[in-house]
Amino acid sequence: MSKNATATDINIQEGDDKNVGRFDQAKKTLSTAKDSITRNAGKLGEGVTSIASDATDYAKVNPGKALAIAIGSGVAIGYLIGSATRRNTFWTTISGAVIGAVADRLR
């Protein structure tokens, strides 16, 4: 410290030490969050792979049912989305409610 140092110079240096500590704490927190996200993403990937494998096995054993499910799902989703764009019909009201319920369930 020089002869001409003032009290404000000392306070700034003390404040810098506090900021360095906060920076280190934030860095540790972000590192922990990164590790947690990486670990959970791996678990999610394993789950998706397992479900896809099960679906593939089911489709190999029951190709007709799998095709019927796929076609039925596609037609139903297309109808619901298409009818949601039309106005003032009974089916618009029903499809809007169904799409809203599905969207809420997926959240």
PDB file of N, CA and C in Angstrom:
ATOM      1  N   MET A   1       0.849  -1.158   0.000  1.00  0.00           N
ATOM      2  CA  MET A   1       0.000   0.000   0.000  1.00  0.00           C
ATOM      3  C   MET A   1       0.899   1.226   0.000  1.00  0.00           C
ATOM      4  N   SER A   2       0.544   2.204  -0.857  1.00  0.00           N
ATOM      5  CA  SER A   2       1.369   3.417  -0.964  1.00  0.00           C
ATOM      6  C   SER A   2       1.026   4.399   0.154  1.00  0.00           C
ATOM      7  N   LYS A   3       1.888   5.451   0.278  1.00  0.00           N
ATOM      8  CA  LYS A   3       1.675   6.466   1.305  1.00  0.00           C
ATOM      9  C   LYS A   3       0.382   7.230   1.066  1.00  0.00           C
ATOM     10  N   ASN A   4       0.005   7.384  -0.189  1.00  0.00           N
ATOM     11  CA  ASN A   4      -1.149   8.211  -0.530  1.00  0.00           C
ATOM     12  C   ASN A   4      -2.461   7.419  -0.589  1.00  0.00           C
ATOM     13  N   ALA A   5      -2.483   6.197  -0.156  1.00  0.00           N
ATOM     14  CA  ALA A   5      -3.695   5.386  -0.208  1.00  0.00           C
ATOM     15  C   ALA A   5      -4.734   5.960   0.746  1.00  0.00           C
ATOM     16  N   THR A   6      -5.972   5.927   0.304  1.00  0.00           N
ATOM     17  CA  THR A   6      -7.050   6.469   1.129  1.00  0.00           C
ATOM     18  C   THR A   6      -7.943   5.331   1.601  1.00  0.00           C
ATOM     19  N   ALA A   7      -8.899   5.683   2.418  1.00  0.00           N
ATOM     20  CA  ALA A   7      -9.828   4.685   2.947  1.00  0.00           C
ATOM     21  C   ALA A   7     -10.676   4.088   1.822  1.00  0.00           C
ATOM     22  N   THR A   8     -11.000   4.893   0.812  1.00  0.00           N
ATOM     23  CA  THR A   8     -11.817   4.366  -0.291  1.00  0.00           C
ATOM     24  C   THR A   8     -11.034   3.334  -1.094  1.00  0.00           C
ATOM     25  N   ASP A   9      -9.726   3.507  -1.219  1.00  0.00           N
ATOM     26  CA  ASP A   9      -8.914   2.516  -1.922  1.00  0.00           C
ATOM     27  C   ASP A   9      -8.974   1.172  -1.194  1.00  0.00           C
ATOM     28  N   ILE A  10      -8.913   1.202   0.106  1.00  0.00           N
ATOM     29  CA  ILE A  10      -8.954  -0.019   0.899  1.00  0.00           C
ATOM     30  C   ILE A  10     -10.325  -0.683   0.762  1.00  0.00           C
ATOM     31  N   ASN A  11     -11.389   0.107   0.790  1.00  0.00           N
ATOM     32  CA  ASN A  11     -12.742  -0.439   0.661  1.00  0.00           C
ATOM     33  C   ASN A  11     -12.948  -1.093  -0.704  1.00  0.00           C
ATOM     34  N   ILE A  12     -12.397  -0.504  -1.736  1.00  0.00           N
ATOM     35  CA  ILE A  12     -12.531  -1.085  -3.067  1.00  0.00           C
ATOM     36  C   ILE A  12     -11.833  -2.436  -3.101  1.00  0.00           C
ATOM     37  N   GLN A  13     -10.649  -2.523  -2.497  1.00  0.00           N
ATOM     38  CA  GLN A  13      -9.933  -3.790  -2.493  1.00  0.00           C
ATOM     39  C   GLN A  13     -10.697  -4.838  -1.695  1.00  0.00           C
ATOM     40  N   GLU A  14     -11.285  -4.458  -0.563  1.00  0.00           N
ATOM     41  CA  GLU A  14     -12.073  -5.403   0.211  1.00  0.00           C
ATOM     42  C   GLU A  14     -13.296  -5.839  -0.576  1.00  0.00           C
ATOM     43  N   GLY A  15     -13.937  -4.901  -1.276  1.00  0.00           N
ATOM     44  CA  GLY A  15     -15.091  -5.232  -2.101  1.00  0.00           C
ATOM     45  C   GLY A  15     -14.719  -6.180  -3.219  1.00  0.00           C
ATOM     46  N   ASP A  16     -13.538  -6.008  -3.797  1.00  0.00           N
ATOM     47  CA  ASP A  16     -13.091  -6.903  -4.850  1.00  0.00           C
ATOM     48  C   ASP A  16     -12.928  -8.325  -4.315  1.00  0.00           C
ATOM     49  N   ASP A  17     -12.416  -8.462  -3.106  1.00  0.00           N
ATOM     50  CA  ASP A  17     -12.279  -9.785  -2.503  1.00  0.00           C
ATOM     51  C   ASP A  17     -13.653 -10.442  -2.340  1.00  0.00           C
ATOM     52  N   LYS A  18     -14.649  -9.653  -1.942  1.00  0.00           N
ATOM     53  CA  LYS A  18     -16.003 -10.187  -1.799  1.00  0.00           C
ATOM     54  C   LYS A  18     -16.555 -10.614  -3.160  1.00  0.00           C
ATOM     55  N   ASN A  19     -16.284  -9.792  -4.181  1.00  0.00           N
ATOM     56  CA  ASN A  19     -16.774 -10.135  -5.516  1.00  0.00           C
ATOM     57  C   ASN A  19     -16.100 -11.385  -6.062  1.00  0.00           C
ATOM     58  N   VAL A  20     -14.808 -11.552  -5.750  1.00  0.00           N
ATOM     59  CA  VAL A  20     -14.100 -12.755  -6.184  1.00  0.00           C
ATOM     60  C   VAL A  20     -14.723 -13.976  -5.513  1.00  0.00           C
ATOM     61  N   GLY A  21     -15.051 -13.853  -4.232  1.00  0.00           N
ATOM     62  CA  GLY A  21     -15.703 -14.952  -3.523  1.00  0.00           C
ATOM     63  C   GLY A  21     -17.065 -15.270  -4.122  1.00  0.00           C
ATOM     64  N   ARG A  22     -17.808 -14.246  -4.474  1.00  0.00           N
ATOM     65  CA  ARG A  22     -19.113 -14.457  -5.100  1.00  0.00           C
ATOM     66  C   ARG A  22     -18.958 -15.106  -6.470  1.00  0.00           C
ATOM     67  N   PHE A  23     -17.945 -14.659  -7.205  1.00  0.00           N
ATOM     68  CA  PHE A  23     -17.682 -15.238  -8.519  1.00  0.00           C
ATOM     69  C   PHE A  23     -17.338 -16.720  -8.395  1.00  0.00           C
ATOM     70  N   ASP A  24     -16.483 -17.046  -7.431  1.00  0.00           N
ATOM     71  CA  ASP A  24     -16.119 -18.455  -7.211  1.00  0.00           C
ATOM     72  C   ASP A  24     -17.346 -19.285  -6.821  1.00  0.00           C
ATOM     73  N   GLN A  25     -18.213 -18.712  -5.976  1.00  0.00           N
ATOM     74  CA  GLN A  25     -19.421 -19.416  -5.562  1.00  0.00           C
ATOM     75  C   GLN A  25     -20.342 -19.634  -6.763  1.00  0.00           C
ATOM     76  N   ALA A  26     -20.504 -18.614  -7.594  1.00  0.00           N
ATOM     77  CA  ALA A  26     -21.349 -18.744  -8.784  1.00  0.00           C
ATOM     78  C   ALA A  26     -20.767 -19.780  -9.741  1.00  0.00           C
ATOM     79  N   LYS A  27     -19.446 -19.786  -9.861  1.00  0.00           N
ATOM     80  CA  LYS A  27     -18.784 -20.755 -10.738  1.00  0.00           C
ATOM     81  C   LYS A  27     -19.024 -22.188 -10.255  1.00  0.00           C
ATOM     82  N   LYS A  28     -18.933 -22.404  -8.953  1.00  0.00           N
ATOM     83  CA  LYS A  28     -19.184 -23.731  -8.387  1.00  0.00           C
ATOM     84  C   LYS A  28     -20.648 -24.148  -8.602  1.00  0.00           C
ATOM     85  N   THR A  29     -21.560 -23.202  -8.389  1.00  0.00           N
ATOM     86  CA  THR A  29     -22.980 -23.496  -8.574  1.00  0.00           C
ATOM     87  C   THR A  29     -23.272 -23.869 -10.027  1.00  0.00           C
ATOM     88  N   LEU A  30     -22.722 -23.124 -10.964  1.00  0.00           N
ATOM     89  CA  LEU A  30     -22.932 -23.424 -12.382  1.00  0.00           C
ATOM     90  C   LEU A  30     -22.305 -24.764 -12.760  1.00  0.00           C
ATOM     91  N   SER A  31     -21.170 -25.074 -12.188  1.00  0.00           N
ATOM     92  CA  SER A  31     -20.534 -26.366 -12.459  1.00  0.00           C
ATOM     93  C   SER A  31     -21.398 -27.510 -11.948  1.00  0.00           C
ATOM     94  N   THR A  32     -21.962 -27.342 -10.753  1.00  0.00           N
ATOM     95  CA  THR A  32     -22.854 -28.361 -10.193  1.00  0.00           C
ATOM     96  C   THR A  32     -24.096 -28.521 -11.068  1.00  0.00           C
ATOM     97  N   ALA A  33     -24.661 -27.398 -11.523  1.00  0.00           N
ATOM     98  CA  ALA A  33     -25.848 -27.450 -12.381  1.00  0.00           C
ATOM     99  C   ALA A  33     -25.529 -28.154 -13.696  1.00  0.00           C
ATOM    100  N   LYS A  34     -24.364 -27.876 -14.261  1.00  0.00           N
ATOM    101  CA  LYS A  34     -23.954 -28.508 -15.516  1.00  0.00           C
ATOM    102  C   LYS A  34     -23.850 -30.024 -15.342  1.00  0.00           C
ATOM    103  N   ASP A  35     -23.229 -30.447 -14.251  1.00  0.00           N
ATOM    104  CA  ASP A  35     -23.099 -31.882 -13.983  1.00  0.00           C
ATOM    105  C   ASP A  35     -24.467 -32.543 -13.826  1.00  0.00           C
ATOM    106  N   SER A  36     -25.369 -31.873 -13.121  1.00  0.00           N
ATOM    107  CA  SER A  36     -26.713 -32.414 -12.911  1.00  0.00           C
ATOM    108  C   SER A  36     -27.469 -32.521 -14.232  1.00  0.00           C
ATOM    109  N   ILE A  37     -27.382 -31.508 -15.063  1.00  0.00           N
ATOM    110  CA  ILE A  37     -28.059 -31.527 -16.360  1.00  0.00           C
ATOM    111  C   ILE A  37     -27.486 -32.624 -17.241  1.00  0.00           C
ATOM    112  N   THR A  38     -26.192 -32.764 -17.259  1.00  0.00           N
ATOM    113  CA  THR A  38     -25.552 -33.797 -18.070  1.00  0.00           C
ATOM    114  C   THR A  38     -25.984 -35.189 -17.620  1.00  0.00           C
ATOM    115  N   ARG A  39     -26.010 -35.405 -16.304  1.00  0.00           N
ATOM    116  CA  ARG A  39     -26.401 -36.704 -15.758  1.00  0.00           C
ATOM    117  C   ARG A  39     -27.865 -37.007 -16.087  1.00  0.00           C
ATOM    118  N   ASN A  40     -28.753 -36.027 -15.907  1.00  0.00           N
ATOM    119  CA  ASN A  40     -30.171 -36.239 -16.167  1.00  0.00           C
ATOM    120  C   ASN A  40     -30.464 -36.382 -17.654  1.00  0.00           C
ATOM    121  N   ALA A  41     -29.709 -35.705 -18.497  1.00  0.00           N
ATOM    122  CA  ALA A  41     -29.891 -35.860 -19.941  1.00  0.00           C
ATOM    123  C   ALA A  41     -29.537 -37.283 -20.361  1.00  0.00           C
ATOM    124  N   GLY A  42     -28.530 -37.843 -19.750  1.00  0.00           N
ATOM    125  CA  GLY A  42     -28.164 -39.235 -20.033  1.00  0.00           C
ATOM    126  C   GLY A  42     -29.270 -40.193 -19.635  1.00  0.00           C
ATOM    127  N   LYS A  43     -29.881 -39.957 -18.467  1.00  0.00           N
ATOM    128  CA  LYS A  43     -30.990 -40.801 -18.018  1.00  0.00           C
ATOM    129  C   LYS A  43     -32.176 -40.679 -18.963  1.00  0.00           C
ATOM    130  N   LEU A  44     -32.462 -39.463 -19.409  1.00  0.00           N
ATOM    131  CA  LEU A  44     -33.569 -39.247 -20.337  1.00  0.00           C
ATOM    132  C   LEU A  44     -33.314 -39.965 -21.652  1.00  0.00           C
ATOM    133  N   GLY A  45     -32.090 -39.886 -22.140  1.00  0.00           N
ATOM    134  CA  GLY A  45     -31.732 -40.579 -23.382  1.00  0.00           C
ATOM    135  C   GLY A  45     -31.904 -42.086 -23.259  1.00  0.00           C
ATOM    136  N   GLU A  46     -31.529 -42.634 -22.117  1.00  0.00           N
ATOM    137  CA  GLU A  46     -31.700 -44.072 -21.889  1.00  0.00           C
ATOM    138  C   GLU A  46     -33.176 -44.446 -21.868  1.00  0.00           C
ATOM    139  N   GLY A  47     -33.995 -43.612 -21.261  1.00  0.00           N
ATOM    140  CA  GLY A  47     -35.433 -43.866 -21.207  1.00  0.00           C
ATOM    141  C   GLY A  47     -36.074 -43.830 -22.581  1.00  0.00           C
ATOM    142  N   VAL A  48     -35.702 -42.850 -23.381  1.00  0.00           N
ATOM    143  CA  VAL A  48     -36.244 -42.737 -24.736  1.00  0.00           C
ATOM    144  C   VAL A  48     -35.800 -43.930 -25.570  1.00  0.00           C
ATOM    145  N   THR A  49     -34.561 -44.318 -25.443  1.00  0.00           N
ATOM    146  CA  THR A  49     -34.056 -45.480 -26.182  1.00  0.00           C
ATOM    147  C   THR A  49     -34.813 -46.739 -25.795  1.00  0.00           C
ATOM    148  N   SER A  50     -35.098 -46.906 -24.508  1.00  0.00           N
ATOM    149  CA  SER A  50     -35.836 -48.070 -24.027  1.00  0.00           C
ATOM    150  C   SER A  50     -37.258 -48.095 -24.589  1.00  0.00           C
ATOM    151  N   ILE A  51     -37.926 -46.953 -24.569  1.00  0.00           N
ATOM    152  CA  ILE A  51     -39.295 -46.879 -25.095  1.00  0.00           C
ATOM    153  C   ILE A  51     -39.299 -47.141 -26.596  1.00  0.00           C
ATOM    154  N   ALA A  52     -38.353 -46.570 -27.322  1.00  0.00           N
ATOM    155  CA  ALA A  52     -38.278 -46.796 -28.765  1.00  0.00           C
ATOM    156  C   ALA A  52     -38.012 -48.259 -29.075  1.00  0.00           C
ATOM    157  N   SER A  53     -37.169 -48.900 -28.287  1.00  0.00           N
ATOM    158  CA  SER A  53     -36.873 -50.312 -28.485  1.00  0.00           C
ATOM    159  C   SER A  53     -38.118 -51.167 -28.232  1.00  0.00           C
ATOM    160  N   ASP A  54     -38.856 -50.843 -27.165  1.00  0.00           N
ATOM    161  CA  ASP A  54     -40.093 -51.570 -26.859  1.00  0.00           C
ATOM    162  C   ASP A  54     -41.119 -51.394 -27.973  1.00  0.00           C
ATOM    163  N   ALA A  55     -41.251 -50.175 -28.487  1.00  0.00           N
ATOM    164  CA  ALA A  55     -42.205 -49.911 -29.569  1.00  0.00           C
ATOM    165  C   ALA A  55     -41.811 -50.667 -30.837  1.00  0.00           C
ATOM    166  N   THR A  56     -40.529 -50.713 -31.122  1.00  0.00           N
ATOM    167  CA  THR A  56     -40.054 -51.446 -32.299  1.00  0.00           C
ATOM    168  C   THR A  56     -40.330 -52.939 -32.156  1.00  0.00           C
ATOM    169  N   ASP A  57     -40.072 -53.477 -30.985  1.00  0.00           N
ATOM    170  CA  ASP A  57     -40.346 -54.898 -30.735  1.00  0.00           C
ATOM    171  C   ASP A  57     -41.840 -55.203 -30.879  1.00  0.00           C
ATOM    172  N   TYR A  58     -42.703 -54.323 -30.350  1.00  0.00           N
ATOM    173  CA  TYR A  58     -44.149 -54.526 -30.458  1.00  0.00           C
ATOM    174  C   TYR A  58     -44.582 -54.485 -31.923  1.00  0.00           C
ATOM    175  N   ALA A  59     -44.019 -53.523 -32.687  1.00  0.00           N
ATOM    176  CA  ALA A  59     -44.380 -53.402 -34.104  1.00  0.00           C
ATOM    177  C   ALA A  59     -43.931 -54.624 -34.895  1.00  0.00           C
ATOM    178  N   LYS A  60     -42.827 -55.247 -34.511  1.00  0.00           N
ATOM    179  CA  LYS A  60     -42.363 -56.462 -35.200  1.00  0.00           C
ATOM    180  C   LYS A  60     -43.285 -57.642 -34.919  1.00  0.00           C
ATOM    181  N   VAL A  61     -43.790 -57.714 -33.689  1.00  0.00           N
ATOM    182  CA  VAL A  61     -44.673 -58.816 -33.310  1.00  0.00           C
ATOM    183  C   VAL A  61     -46.093 -58.588 -33.832  1.00  0.00           C
ATOM    184  N   ASN A  62     -46.558 -57.342 -33.793  1.00  0.00           N
ATOM    185  CA  ASN A  62     -47.928 -56.992 -34.191  1.00  0.00           C
ATOM    186  C   ASN A  62     -47.922 -55.887 -35.250  1.00  0.00           C
ATOM    187  N   PRO A  63     -47.493 -56.170 -36.467  1.00  0.00           N
ATOM    188  CA  PRO A  63     -47.384 -55.107 -37.473  1.00  0.00           C
ATOM    189  C   PRO A  63     -48.733 -54.494 -37.848  1.00  0.00           C
ATOM    190  N   GLY A  64     -49.774 -55.286 -37.898  1.00  0.00           N
ATOM    191  CA  GLY A  64     -51.096 -54.763 -38.256  1.00  0.00           C
ATOM    192  C   GLY A  64     -51.619 -53.783 -37.231  1.00  0.00           C
ATOM    193  N   LYS A  65     -51.502 -54.144 -35.947  1.00  0.00           N
ATOM    194  CA  LYS A  65     -51.959 -53.256 -34.878  1.00  0.00           C
ATOM    195  C   LYS A  65     -51.143 -51.967 -34.855  1.00  0.00           C
ATOM    196  N   ALA A  66     -49.836 -52.098 -35.036  1.00  0.00           N
ATOM    197  CA  ALA A  66     -48.966 -50.916 -35.027  1.00  0.00           C
ATOM    198  C   ALA A  66     -49.338 -49.972 -36.164  1.00  0.00           C
ATOM    199  N   LEU A  67     -49.615 -50.526 -37.337  1.00  0.00           N
ATOM    200  CA  LEU A  67     -50.012 -49.709 -38.484  1.00  0.00           C
ATOM    201  C   LEU A  67     -51.359 -49.040 -38.221  1.00  0.00           C
ATOM    202  N   ALA A  68     -52.302 -49.790 -37.658  1.00  0.00           N
ATOM    203  CA  ALA A  68     -53.617 -49.225 -37.352  1.00  0.00           C
ATOM    204  C   ALA A  68     -53.508 -48.101 -36.317  1.00  0.00           C
ATOM    205  N   ILE A  69     -52.679 -48.288 -35.321  1.00  0.00           N
ATOM    206  CA  ILE A  69     -52.479 -47.246 -34.306  1.00  0.00           C
ATOM    207  C   ILE A  69     -51.870 -46.001 -34.936  1.00  0.00           C
ATOM    208  N   ALA A  70     -50.873 -46.181 -35.786  1.00  0.00           N
ATOM    209  CA  ALA A  70     -50.218 -45.041 -36.424  1.00  0.00           C
ATOM    210  C   ALA A  70     -51.182 -44.279 -37.332  1.00  0.00           C
ATOM    211  N   ILE A  71     -51.934 -45.010 -38.147  1.00  0.00           N
ATOM    212  CA  ILE A  71     -52.882 -44.349 -39.057  1.00  0.00           C
ATOM    213  C   ILE A  71     -53.984 -43.656 -38.260  1.00  0.00           C
ATOM    214  N   GLY A  72     -54.538 -44.349 -37.269  1.00  0.00           N
ATOM    215  CA  GLY A  72     -55.594 -43.753 -36.451  1.00  0.00           C
ATOM    216  C   GLY A  72     -55.128 -42.505 -35.717  1.00  0.00           C
ATOM    217  N   SER A  73     -53.930 -42.559 -35.179  1.00  0.00           N
ATOM    218  CA  SER A  73     -53.392 -41.392 -34.468  1.00  0.00           C
ATOM    219  C   SER A  73     -53.193 -40.222 -35.421  1.00  0.00           C
ATOM    220  N   GLY A  74     -52.655 -40.510 -36.581  1.00  0.00           N
ATOM    221  CA  GLY A  74     -52.424 -39.444 -37.569  1.00  0.00           C
ATOM    222  C   GLY A  74     -53.717 -38.800 -38.032  1.00  0.00           C
ATOM    223  N   VAL A  75     -54.721 -39.629 -38.316  1.00  0.00           N
ATOM    224  CA  VAL A  75     -56.021 -39.092 -38.752  1.00  0.00           C
ATOM    225  C   VAL A  75     -56.659 -38.266 -37.634  1.00  0.00           C
ATOM    226  N   ALA A  76     -56.633 -38.778 -36.417  1.00  0.00           N
ATOM    227  CA  ALA A  76     -57.250 -38.058 -35.297  1.00  0.00           C
ATOM    228  C   ALA A  76     -56.558 -36.721 -35.042  1.00  0.00           C
ATOM    229  N   ILE A  77     -55.247 -36.731 -35.030  1.00  0.00           N
ATOM    230  CA  ILE A  77     -54.510 -35.475 -34.796  1.00  0.00           C
ATOM    231  C   ILE A  77     -54.761 -34.494 -35.935  1.00  0.00           C
ATOM    232  N   GLY A  78     -54.716 -34.985 -37.161  1.00  0.00           N
ATOM    233  CA  GLY A  78     -54.986 -34.113 -38.308  1.00  0.00           C
ATOM    234  C   GLY A  78     -56.386 -33.528 -38.270  1.00  0.00           C
ATOM    235  N   TYR A  79     -57.364 -34.344 -37.914  1.00  0.00           N
ATOM    236  CA  TYR A  79     -58.743 -33.862 -37.831  1.00  0.00           C
ATOM    237  C   TYR A  79     -58.885 -32.813 -36.740  1.00  0.00           C
ATOM    238  N   LEU A  80     -58.308 -33.084 -35.578  1.00  0.00           N
ATOM    239  CA  LEU A  80     -58.412 -32.128 -34.474  1.00  0.00           C
ATOM    240  C   LEU A  80     -57.747 -30.798 -34.810  1.00  0.00           C
ATOM    241  N   ILE A  81     -56.588 -30.858 -35.406  1.00  0.00           N
ATOM    242  CA  ILE A  81     -55.890 -29.619 -35.764  1.00  0.00           C
ATOM    243  C   ILE A  81     -56.638 -28.901 -36.881  1.00  0.00           C
ATOM    244  N   GLY A  82     -57.101 -29.649 -37.867  1.00  0.00           N
ATOM    245  CA  GLY A  82     -57.836 -29.039 -38.975  1.00  0.00           C
ATOM    246  C   GLY A  82     -59.142 -28.418 -38.530  1.00  0.00           C
ATOM    247  N   SER A  83     -59.867 -29.099 -37.667  1.00  0.00           N
ATOM    248  CA  SER A  83     -61.147 -28.560 -37.222  1.00  0.00           C
ATOM    249  C   SER A  83     -60.965 -27.398 -36.248  1.00  0.00           C
ATOM    250  N   ALA A  84     -59.816 -27.318 -35.624  1.00  0.00           N
ATOM    251  CA  ALA A  84     -59.563 -26.206 -34.710  1.00  0.00           C
ATOM    252  C   ALA A  84     -59.400 -24.898 -35.474  1.00  0.00           C
ATOM    253  N   THR A  85     -59.055 -24.990 -36.761  1.00  0.00           N
ATOM    254  CA  THR A  85     -58.894 -23.766 -37.550  1.00  0.00           C
ATOM    255  C   THR A  85     -60.225 -23.270 -38.104  1.00  0.00           C
ATOM    256  N   ARG A  86     -61.259 -24.122 -38.155  1.00  0.00           N
ATOM    257  CA  ARG A  86     -62.592 -23.695 -38.592  1.00  0.00           C
ATOM    258  C   ARG A  86     -63.291 -22.996 -37.439  1.00  0.00           C
ATOM    259  N   ARG A  87     -64.269 -22.160 -37.774  1.00  0.00           N
ATOM    260  CA  ARG A  87     -64.935 -21.390 -36.728  1.00  0.00           C
ATOM    261  C   ARG A  87     -66.396 -21.796 -36.572  1.00  0.00           C
ATOM    262  N   ASN A  88     -66.876 -21.635 -35.366  1.00  0.00           N
ATOM    263  CA  ASN A  88     -68.295 -21.744 -35.036  1.00  0.00           C
ATOM    264  C   ASN A  88     -68.929 -23.086 -35.407  1.00  0.00           C
ATOM    265  N   THR A  89     -68.261 -24.163 -35.097  1.00  0.00           N
ATOM    266  CA  THR A  89     -68.877 -25.467 -35.279  1.00  0.00           C
ATOM    267  C   THR A  89     -68.802 -26.218 -33.959  1.00  0.00           C
ATOM    268  N   PHE A  90     -69.626 -27.222 -33.842  1.00  0.00           N
ATOM    269  CA  PHE A  90     -69.614 -28.052 -32.645  1.00  0.00           C
ATOM    270  C   PHE A  90     -68.261 -28.737 -32.485  1.00  0.00           C
ATOM    271  N   TRP A  91     -67.716 -29.235 -33.588  1.00  0.00           N
ATOM    272  CA  TRP A  91     -66.456 -29.965 -33.527  1.00  0.00           C
ATOM    273  C   TRP A  91     -65.278 -29.053 -33.212  1.00  0.00           C
ATOM    274  N   THR A  92     -65.398 -27.769 -33.574  1.00  0.00           N
ATOM    275  CA  THR A  92     -64.338 -26.820 -33.213  1.00  0.00           C
ATOM    276  C   THR A  92     -64.237 -26.708 -31.696  1.00  0.00           C
ATOM    277  N   THR A  93     -65.383 -26.633 -31.060  1.00  0.00           N
ATOM    278  CA  THR A  93     -65.408 -26.536 -29.598  1.00  0.00           C
ATOM    279  C   THR A  93     -64.830 -27.797 -28.964  1.00  0.00           C
ATOM    280  N   ILE A  94     -65.273 -28.950 -29.453  1.00  0.00           N
ATOM    281  CA  ILE A  94     -64.801 -30.223 -28.905  1.00  0.00           C
ATOM    282  C   ILE A  94     -63.301 -30.388 -29.149  1.00  0.00           C
ATOM    283  N   SER A  95     -62.853 -30.136 -30.388  1.00  0.00           N
ATOM    284  CA  SER A  95     -61.432 -30.335 -30.696  1.00  0.00           C
ATOM    285  C   SER A  95     -60.559 -29.345 -29.934  1.00  0.00           C
ATOM    286  N   GLY A  96     -61.032 -28.121 -29.752  1.00  0.00           N
ATOM    287  CA  GLY A  96     -60.270 -27.152 -28.964  1.00  0.00           C
ATOM    288  C   GLY A  96     -60.092 -27.608 -27.534  1.00  0.00           C
ATOM    289  N   ALA A  97     -61.154 -28.189 -26.983  1.00  0.00           N
ATOM    290  CA  ALA A  97     -61.074 -28.701 -25.605  1.00  0.00           C
ATOM    291  C   ALA A  97     -60.121 -29.889 -25.517  1.00  0.00           C
ATOM    292  N   VAL A  98     -60.182 -30.771 -26.512  1.00  0.00           N
ATOM    293  CA  VAL A  98     -59.308 -31.947 -26.502  1.00  0.00           C
ATOM    294  C   VAL A  98     -57.852 -31.524 -26.661  1.00  0.00           C
ATOM    295  N   ILE A  99     -57.587 -30.627 -27.605  1.00  0.00           N
ATOM    296  CA  ILE A  99     -56.202 -30.163 -27.816  1.00  0.00           C
ATOM    297  C   ILE A  99     -55.694 -29.461 -26.560  1.00  0.00           C
ATOM    298  N   GLY A 100     -56.525 -28.645 -25.922  1.00  0.00           N
ATOM    299  CA  GLY A 100     -56.132 -27.972 -24.685  1.00  0.00           C
ATOM    300  C   GLY A 100     -55.820 -28.966 -23.577  1.00  0.00           C
ATOM    301  N   ALA A 101     -56.661 -30.009 -23.470  1.00  0.00           N
ATOM    302  CA  ALA A 101     -56.441 -31.013 -22.425  1.00  0.00           C
ATOM    303  C   ALA A 101     -55.150 -31.778 -22.673  1.00  0.00           C
ATOM    304  N   VAL A 102     -54.880 -32.123 -23.930  1.00  0.00           N
ATOM    305  CA  VAL A 102     -53.646 -32.840 -24.270  1.00  0.00           C
ATOM    306  C   VAL A 102     -52.439 -31.956 -23.996  1.00  0.00           C
ATOM    307  N   ALA A 103     -52.530 -30.686 -24.383  1.00  0.00           N
ATOM    308  CA  ALA A 103     -51.420 -29.766 -24.145  1.00  0.00           C
ATOM    309  C   ALA A 103     -51.154 -29.603 -22.653  1.00  0.00           C
ATOM    310  N   ASP A 104     -52.214 -29.498 -21.858  1.00  0.00           N
ATOM    311  CA  ASP A 104     -52.035 -29.400 -20.408  1.00  0.00           C
ATOM    312  C   ASP A 104     -51.405 -30.655 -19.836  1.00  0.00           C
ATOM    313  N   ARG A 105     -51.780 -31.793 -20.366  1.00  0.00           N
ATOM    314  CA  ARG A 105     -51.252 -33.075 -19.878  1.00  0.00           C
ATOM    315  C   ARG A 105     -49.764 -33.206 -20.205  1.00  0.00           C
ATOM    316  N   LEU A 106     -49.356 -32.654 -21.358  1.00  0.00           N
ATOM    317  CA  LEU A 106     -47.951 -32.758 -21.779  1.00  0.00           C
ATOM    318  C   LEU A 106     -47.043 -31.807 -21.009  1.00  0.00           C
ATOM    319  N   ARG A 107     -47.589 -30.802 -20.393  1.00  0.00           N
ATOM    320  CA  ARG A 107     -46.760 -29.834 -19.651  1.00  0.00           C
ATOM    321  C   ARG A 107     -46.247 -30.399 -18.400  1.00  0.00           C
TER     322      ARG A 107
END
